Amino acid sequence: MGNSISLSKDVLLPLFTQFVGVLTGALLAFWVARWQLNKQESEEKAKERAYTEELFSRMKLELKDNKDLITQHFVMAVNLSDNSYDEHWYYLDVIVCGFRFDFYRSLVKQGLFKDLPKEVQEATYICYDYIRKLQLTVFRGRSHQAYCKAINNVAESKQLLKDVQTYTRTVVAQLEHNFKVVTGE
């Protein structure tokens, strides 16, 4: 009988030691794996944040370029005192074709626009909405101006250009106000 008790101790002690070793190893492996996943997740979030900031920065440059195009060239083109309405509309058409929406669309399509503060989202949307509407106004106005020219209606053609002038002033005012919100100035 003495042999069976010592045999039990000889068997149980290594078994217990192995069990504790395996359990400790498993917990340590779990902790290391969890640490790696957390680290990887935080690195991915940092990369996404950096990517969003870079896209937002480029979108601000794109918006500034559009704003400058409107305030410098478009206002000058609308206020030309020449009687050649074809040249006015051609020049306006060339300018609005220079408007860019790429980085704004990228932010929206990739779902990163929602990560921006609400007031920046709203101001950015308003800026791009006015720019797009101005672009559409010129495209439609140019078509209508061609119709006015075909039927020899100079008065309506002049009024159309005046309407674009008025709308341009509205766009410039909205851009000035909302661009400050977007850029944080």
Foldseek 3Di string as FASTA:
>chain_A
DVVVVVVCVVVVVVVVVVVVVVVVVVVVVVVVVVVVVVVVVVVVVVVVVVVLVVLLVVLLVLLVVLLCLLVPPVLVLLPDPDLPLLVSLVSNLVSLVPRDCVSVVVCVVVVNLVVDDPLLSVLSVQLVVLSVVLNVLSVVLSVVLVVCVVVVPSVVNVVSSVVSNVSSVVSSVSSVVSSCVNVVD
